[in-house]
Amino acid sequence: MLDFIAPLPRSVPPLERMLALEQRFFLADHNLTYTDKMSMAVGVKVRVPLLDLELVDFAARIPPAVKRRGQVGKWVFKRAMEPYLEFNYLVRHAKAVITDSGGITEETTVMGVPCMTLRTSTERPETVSLGTNELLGVDPASLAPALDRLFAGEWKRGQVPPLWDGKTSERIVAVLERVLPLASVTPR
């Protein structure tokens, strides 16, 4: 590993040296490989967030002072997420959401917020069958009767679908422990 960082100019800050080592040796050869092997072994689809090549290249060019502000790590990432967090705040406190998107229906279902979707189909039918979402079709005139039901207190209550309980990682670990003989070995 020292051979890897030796050619780096002395001007490269310690944080950048550490990140270069982690990206070169730990991320690709360890984390991604084992995640891929374990997920394939049990037929589980795994998303490894934020590993788009362009995003990784961009993140590598961010100056250390922006990556960390004082004692706050991942500062720029947290700033970038603020609009999403603000949006979720608005959804949580809304009387209802009117959308033509399929994605927001998941958030409204989890938050128990009525959702009126101006579409004829959805990628998340459980948001309709179990959740707070209703497909109104593509005619905006369908909004008036839906809003009447909402304000009359007649909108369905909905529920969070059974496996949307925030315990997915626990279930994955349990499966991995059952099928992988070394899963119970304590890491060094």
C-alpha atoms as a PDB file:
ATOM      1  CA  MET A   1       0.000   0.000   0.000  1.00  0.00           C
ATOM      2  CA  LEU A   2       2.866   2.340   0.714  1.00  0.00           C
ATOM      3  CA  ASP A   3       4.058   1.761  -2.844  1.00  0.00           C
ATOM      4  CA  PHE A   4       0.667   3.007  -4.034  1.00  0.00           C
ATOM      5  CA  ILE A   5       0.778   6.325  -2.179  1.00  0.00           C
ATOM      6  CA  ALA A   6       4.537   6.927  -2.506  1.00  0.00           C
ATOM      7  CA  PRO A   7       4.239   8.515  -5.999  1.00  0.00           C
ATOM      8  CA  LEU A   8       1.585  10.975  -4.775  1.00  0.00           C
ATOM      9  CA  PRO A   9       2.934  14.521  -4.512  1.00  0.00           C
ATOM     10  CA  ARG A  10       3.663  15.746  -0.975  1.00  0.00           C
ATOM     11  CA  SER A  11       1.023  18.425  -1.535  1.00  0.00           C
ATOM     12  CA  VAL A  12      -1.741  15.772  -1.429  1.00  0.00           C
ATOM     13  CA  PRO A  13      -3.418  16.208   1.985  1.00  0.00           C
ATOM     14  CA  PRO A  14      -3.619  13.244   4.424  1.00  0.00           C
ATOM     15  CA  LEU A  15      -7.395  12.938   3.936  1.00  0.00           C
ATOM     16  CA  GLU A  16      -6.931  12.558   0.193  1.00  0.00           C
ATOM     17  CA  ARG A  17      -4.178   9.960   0.692  1.00  0.00           C
ATOM     18  CA  MET A  18      -6.447   7.943   2.973  1.00  0.00           C
ATOM     19  CA  LEU A  19      -9.349   8.157   0.515  1.00  0.00           C
ATOM     20  CA  ALA A  20      -7.101   7.075  -2.364  1.00  0.00           C
ATOM     21  CA  LEU A  21      -5.975   4.009  -0.392  1.00  0.00           C
ATOM     22  CA  GLU A  22      -9.530   3.145   0.566  1.00  0.00           C
ATOM     23  CA  GLN A  23     -10.815   3.513  -2.970  1.00  0.00           C
ATOM     24  CA  ARG A  24      -7.969   1.477  -4.476  1.00  0.00           C
ATOM     25  CA  PHE A  25      -7.701  -1.397  -2.006  1.00  0.00           C
ATOM     26  CA  PHE A  26     -10.713  -1.615   0.253  1.00  0.00           C
ATOM     27  CA  LEU A  27     -13.676  -0.472  -1.829  1.00  0.00           C
ATOM     28  CA  ALA A  28     -13.156  -2.433  -5.049  1.00  0.00           C
ATOM     29  CA  ASP A  29     -11.272  -5.472  -3.787  1.00  0.00           C
ATOM     30  CA  HIS A  30     -13.215  -5.971  -0.596  1.00  0.00           C
ATOM     31  CA  ASN A  31     -16.528  -4.183  -0.202  1.00  0.00           C
ATOM     32  CA  LEU A  32     -17.859  -4.400  -3.739  1.00  0.00           C
ATOM     33  CA  THR A  33     -16.564  -7.897  -4.429  1.00  0.00           C
ATOM     34  CA  TYR A  34     -18.002  -9.396  -1.247  1.00  0.00           C
ATOM     35  CA  THR A  35     -21.260  -7.488  -1.560  1.00  0.00           C
ATOM     36  CA  ASP A  36     -21.640  -8.784  -5.108  1.00  0.00           C
ATOM     37  CA  LYS A  37     -20.757 -12.392  -4.201  1.00  0.00           C
ATOM     38  CA  MET A  38     -22.998 -12.525  -1.126  1.00  0.00           C
ATOM     39  CA  SER A  39     -25.970 -10.986  -2.877  1.00  0.00           C
ATOM     40  CA  MET A  40     -25.660 -13.311  -5.886  1.00  0.00           C
ATOM     41  CA  ALA A  41     -25.325 -16.341  -3.591  1.00  0.00           C
ATOM     42  CA  VAL A  42     -28.799 -15.782  -2.188  1.00  0.00           C
ATOM     43  CA  GLY A  43     -30.436 -14.137  -5.199  1.00  0.00           C
ATOM     44  CA  VAL A  44     -30.766 -10.750  -3.518  1.00  0.00           C
ATOM     45  CA  LYS A  45     -30.610  -7.556  -5.550  1.00  0.00           C
ATOM     46  CA  VAL A  46     -28.283  -5.091  -3.852  1.00  0.00           C
ATOM     47  CA  ARG A  47     -27.908  -1.432  -4.677  1.00  0.00           C
ATOM     48  CA  VAL A  48     -24.524   0.048  -3.886  1.00  0.00           C
ATOM     49  CA  PRO A  49     -25.384   3.713  -3.508  1.00  0.00           C
ATOM     50  CA  LEU A  50     -23.453   6.539  -5.047  1.00  0.00           C
ATOM     51  CA  LEU A  51     -21.012   4.490  -7.103  1.00  0.00           C
ATOM     52  CA  ASP A  52     -21.734   5.950 -10.492  1.00  0.00           C
ATOM     53  CA  LEU A  53     -18.317   6.405 -12.135  1.00  0.00           C
ATOM     54  CA  GLU A  54     -18.934  10.057 -13.011  1.00  0.00           C
ATOM     55  CA  LEU A  55     -20.072  10.775  -9.453  1.00  0.00           C
ATOM     56  CA  VAL A  56     -17.014   9.044  -7.969  1.00  0.00           C
ATOM     57  CA  ASP A  57     -14.709  10.985 -10.306  1.00  0.00           C
ATOM     58  CA  PHE A  58     -16.450  14.226  -9.379  1.00  0.00           C
ATOM     59  CA  ALA A  59     -16.247  13.455  -5.644  1.00  0.00           C
ATOM     60  CA  ALA A  60     -12.516  12.744  -5.962  1.00  0.00           C
ATOM     61  CA  ARG A  61     -11.988  16.270  -7.308  1.00  0.00           C
ATOM     62  CA  ILE A  62     -13.804  17.989  -4.410  1.00  0.00           C
ATOM     63  CA  PRO A  63     -11.287  19.862  -2.244  1.00  0.00           C
ATOM     64  CA  PRO A  64     -10.745  18.420   1.276  1.00  0.00           C
ATOM     65  CA  ALA A  65     -11.956  21.649   2.877  1.00  0.00           C
ATOM     66  CA  VAL A  66     -15.339  21.114   1.234  1.00  0.00           C
ATOM     67  CA  LYS A  67     -15.534  17.419   2.116  1.00  0.00           C
ATOM     68  CA  ARG A  68     -15.077  18.269   5.770  1.00  0.00           C
ATOM     69  CA  ARG A  69     -16.042  21.466   7.581  1.00  0.00           C
ATOM     70  CA  GLY A  70     -14.555  21.593  11.058  1.00  0.00           C
ATOM     71  CA  GLN A  71     -15.678  18.386  12.754  1.00  0.00           C
ATOM     72  CA  VAL A  72     -18.512  17.791  10.260  1.00  0.00           C
ATOM     73  CA  GLY A  73     -17.683  15.015   7.820  1.00  0.00           C
ATOM     74  CA  LYS A  74     -19.480  14.527   4.493  1.00  0.00           C
ATOM     75  CA  TRP A  75     -20.376  18.202   4.641  1.00  0.00           C
ATOM     76  CA  VAL A  76     -20.894  18.672   0.906  1.00  0.00           C
ATOM     77  CA  PHE A  77     -23.016  15.503   0.703  1.00  0.00           C
ATOM     78  CA  LYS A  78     -25.226  16.743   3.543  1.00  0.00           C
ATOM     79  CA  ARG A  79     -25.620  20.102   1.816  1.00  0.00           C
ATOM     80  CA  ALA A  80     -26.511  18.378  -1.448  1.00  0.00           C
ATOM     81  CA  MET A  81     -29.226  16.354   0.322  1.00  0.00           C
ATOM     82  CA  GLU A  82     -30.894  19.376   1.939  1.00  0.00           C
ATOM     83  CA  PRO A  83     -33.424  19.901  -0.877  1.00  0.00           C
ATOM     84  CA  TYR A  84     -34.506  16.248  -0.650  1.00  0.00           C
ATOM     85  CA  LEU A  85     -34.846  16.476   3.121  1.00  0.00           C
ATOM     86  CA  GLU A  86     -36.808  19.720   2.758  1.00  0.00           C
ATOM     87  CA  PHE A  87     -39.055  18.025   0.214  1.00  0.00           C
ATOM     88  CA  ASN A  88     -39.723  15.136   2.607  1.00  0.00           C
ATOM     89  CA  TYR A  89     -40.549  17.661   5.329  1.00  0.00           C
ATOM     90  CA  LEU A  90     -43.121  19.258   3.026  1.00  0.00           C
ATOM     91  CA  VAL A  91     -44.625  15.868   2.132  1.00  0.00           C
ATOM     92  CA  ARG A  92     -44.870  14.797   5.772  1.00  0.00           C
ATOM     93  CA  HIS A  93     -46.746  17.980   6.670  1.00  0.00           C
ATOM     94  CA  ALA A  94     -48.982  18.131   3.577  1.00  0.00           C
ATOM     95  CA  LYS A  95     -52.726  17.525   3.633  1.00  0.00           C
ATOM     96  CA  ALA A  96     -52.169  15.515   0.429  1.00  0.00           C
ATOM     97  CA  VAL A  97     -49.832  15.196  -2.545  1.00  0.00           C
ATOM     98  CA  ILE A  98     -50.913  15.465  -6.171  1.00  0.00           C
ATOM     99  CA  THR A  99     -48.388  13.979  -8.598  1.00  0.00           C
ATOM    100  CA  ASP A 100     -47.864  12.408 -11.984  1.00  0.00           C
ATOM    101  CA  SER A 101     -44.718  10.658 -10.739  1.00  0.00           C
ATOM    102  CA  GLY A 102     -44.391   7.075  -9.568  1.00  0.00           C
ATOM    103  CA  GLY A 103     -41.619   7.698  -7.054  1.00  0.00           C
ATOM    104  CA  ILE A 104     -43.289   9.971  -4.533  1.00  0.00           C
ATOM    105  CA  THR A 105     -46.024   7.402  -3.882  1.00  0.00           C
ATOM    106  CA  GLU A 106     -43.593   5.391  -1.752  1.00  0.00           C
ATOM    107  CA  GLU A 107     -42.847   8.353   0.510  1.00  0.00           C
ATOM    108  CA  THR A 108     -46.510   9.286   0.907  1.00  0.00           C
ATOM    109  CA  THR A 109     -47.441   5.696   1.768  1.00  0.00           C
ATOM    110  CA  VAL A 110     -44.719   5.426   4.419  1.00  0.00           C
ATOM    111  CA  MET A 111     -45.652   8.825   5.854  1.00  0.00           C
ATOM    112  CA  GLY A 112     -49.405   8.124   5.760  1.00  0.00           C
ATOM    113  CA  VAL A 113     -50.078  11.130   3.514  1.00  0.00           C
ATOM    114  CA  PRO A 114     -52.890  10.873   0.922  1.00  0.00           C
ATOM    115  CA  CYS A 115     -51.535  10.768  -2.624  1.00  0.00           C
ATOM    116  CA  MET A 116     -53.435  11.454  -5.845  1.00  0.00           C
ATOM    117  CA  THR A 117     -51.534  10.178  -8.863  1.00  0.00           C
ATOM    118  CA  LEU A 118     -52.500  11.421 -12.311  1.00  0.00           C
ATOM    119  CA  ARG A 119     -51.521   8.221 -14.094  1.00  0.00           C
ATOM    120  CA  THR A 120     -53.195   5.008 -15.179  1.00  0.00           C
ATOM    121  CA  SER A 121     -50.532   2.676 -13.775  1.00  0.00           C
ATOM    122  CA  THR A 122     -47.785   2.565 -11.184  1.00  0.00           C
ATOM    123  CA  GLU A 123     -44.535   0.706 -10.625  1.00  0.00           C
ATOM    124  CA  ARG A 124     -45.569   0.389  -6.966  1.00  0.00           C
ATOM    125  CA  PRO A 125     -49.059  -1.170  -6.985  1.00  0.00           C
ATOM    126  CA  GLU A 126     -48.778  -1.796  -3.234  1.00  0.00           C
ATOM    127  CA  THR A 127     -49.051   1.973  -2.725  1.00  0.00           C
ATOM    128  CA  VAL A 128     -52.538   1.684  -4.220  1.00  0.00           C
ATOM    129  CA  SER A 129     -53.669  -1.663  -2.772  1.00  0.00           C
ATOM    130  CA  LEU A 130     -52.257  -1.089   0.723  1.00  0.00           C
ATOM    131  CA  GLY A 131     -51.005   2.473   0.883  1.00  0.00           C
ATOM    132  CA  THR A 132     -52.438   5.967   0.657  1.00  0.00           C
ATOM    133  CA  ASN A 133     -52.107   6.330  -3.123  1.00  0.00           C
ATOM    134  CA  GLU A 134     -54.947   6.368  -5.649  1.00  0.00           C
ATOM    135  CA  LEU A 135     -54.540   6.348  -9.416  1.00  0.00           C
ATOM    136  CA  LEU A 136     -56.887   8.980 -10.842  1.00  0.00           C
ATOM    137  CA  GLY A 137     -56.111   8.541 -14.536  1.00  0.00           C
ATOM    138  CA  VAL A 138     -54.724  11.287 -16.736  1.00  0.00           C
ATOM    139  CA  ASP A 139     -57.731  13.622 -16.780  1.00  0.00           C
ATOM    140  CA  PRO A 140     -57.151  16.553 -14.390  1.00  0.00           C
ATOM    141  CA  ALA A 141     -60.951  16.776 -13.940  1.00  0.00           C
ATOM    142  CA  SER A 142     -60.663  13.651 -11.769  1.00  0.00           C
ATOM    143  CA  LEU A 143     -58.976  15.761  -9.113  1.00  0.00           C
ATOM    144  CA  ALA A 144     -62.133  17.609  -7.995  1.00  0.00           C
ATOM    145  CA  PRO A 145     -64.039  14.520  -6.774  1.00  0.00           C
ATOM    146  CA  ALA A 146     -60.854  13.144  -5.178  1.00  0.00           C
ATOM    147  CA  LEU A 147     -60.275  16.408  -3.325  1.00  0.00           C
ATOM    148  CA  ASP A 148     -63.926  16.414  -2.226  1.00  0.00           C
ATOM    149  CA  ARG A 149     -63.420  12.957  -0.672  1.00  0.00           C
ATOM    150  CA  LEU A 150     -60.189  14.094   0.968  1.00  0.00           C
ATOM    151  CA  PHE A 151     -61.715  17.201   2.567  1.00  0.00           C
ATOM    152  CA  ALA A 152     -64.796  15.236   3.638  1.00  0.00           C
ATOM    153  CA  GLY A 153     -62.465  12.899   5.569  1.00  0.00           C
ATOM    154  CA  GLU A 154     -63.277   9.952   3.293  1.00  0.00           C
ATOM    155  CA  TRP A 155     -59.764   9.239   1.999  1.00  0.00           C
ATOM    156  CA  LYS A 156     -58.502   5.746   2.707  1.00  0.00           C
ATOM    157  CA  ARG A 157     -56.151   5.484   5.684  1.00  0.00           C
ATOM    158  CA  GLY A 158     -53.726   3.051   4.076  1.00  0.00           C
ATOM    159  CA  GLN A 159     -50.950   1.128   5.732  1.00  0.00           C
ATOM    160  CA  VAL A 160     -47.261   0.578   5.225  1.00  0.00           C
ATOM    161  CA  PRO A 161     -46.720  -2.619   3.190  1.00  0.00           C
ATOM    162  CA  PRO A 162     -45.453  -5.540   5.332  1.00  0.00           C
ATOM    163  CA  LEU A 163     -41.813  -5.555   4.241  1.00  0.00           C
ATOM    164  CA  TRP A 164     -41.442  -1.766   4.300  1.00  0.00           C
ATOM    165  CA  ASP A 165     -40.675  -1.834   8.014  1.00  0.00           C
ATOM    166  CA  GLY A 166     -37.096  -0.557   7.964  1.00  0.00           C
ATOM    167  CA  LYS A 167     -35.727  -3.991   8.837  1.00  0.00           C
ATOM    168  CA  THR A 168     -34.544  -5.084   5.402  1.00  0.00           C
ATOM    169  CA  SER A 169     -30.897  -5.175   6.406  1.00  0.00           C
ATOM    170  CA  GLU A 170     -31.718  -7.389   9.403  1.00  0.00           C
ATOM    171  CA  ARG A 171     -33.519  -9.849   7.118  1.00  0.00           C
ATOM    172  CA  ILE A 172     -30.603  -9.857   4.657  1.00  0.00           C
ATOM    173  CA  VAL A 173     -28.119 -10.529   7.461  1.00  0.00           C
ATOM    174  CA  ALA A 174     -30.293 -13.393   8.749  1.00  0.00           C
ATOM    175  CA  VAL A 175     -30.353 -14.986   5.277  1.00  0.00           C
ATOM    176  CA  LEU A 176     -26.609 -14.521   4.863  1.00  0.00           C
ATOM    177  CA  GLU A 177     -25.937 -16.076   8.270  1.00  0.00           C
ATOM    178  CA  ARG A 178     -28.041 -19.097   7.283  1.00  0.00           C
ATOM    179  CA  VAL A 179     -26.341 -19.695   3.944  1.00  0.00           C
ATOM    180  CA  LEU A 180     -22.774 -18.570   4.530  1.00  0.00           C
ATOM    181  CA  PRO A 181     -20.716 -20.737   6.888  1.00  0.00           C
ATOM    182  CA  LEU A 182     -18.296 -17.894   7.694  1.00  0.00           C
ATOM    183  CA  ALA A 183     -20.965 -15.290   8.409  1.00  0.00           C
ATOM    184  CA  SER A 184     -20.765 -15.992  12.146  1.00  0.00           C
ATOM    185  CA  VAL A 185     -17.006 -15.381  12.257  1.00  0.00           C
ATOM    186  CA  THR A 186     -16.191 -12.107  14.004  1.00  0.00           C
ATOM    187  CA  PRO A 187     -14.266  -9.749  11.726  1.00  0.00           C
ATOM    188  CA  ARG A 188     -10.745  -8.756  12.778  1.00  0.00           C
END
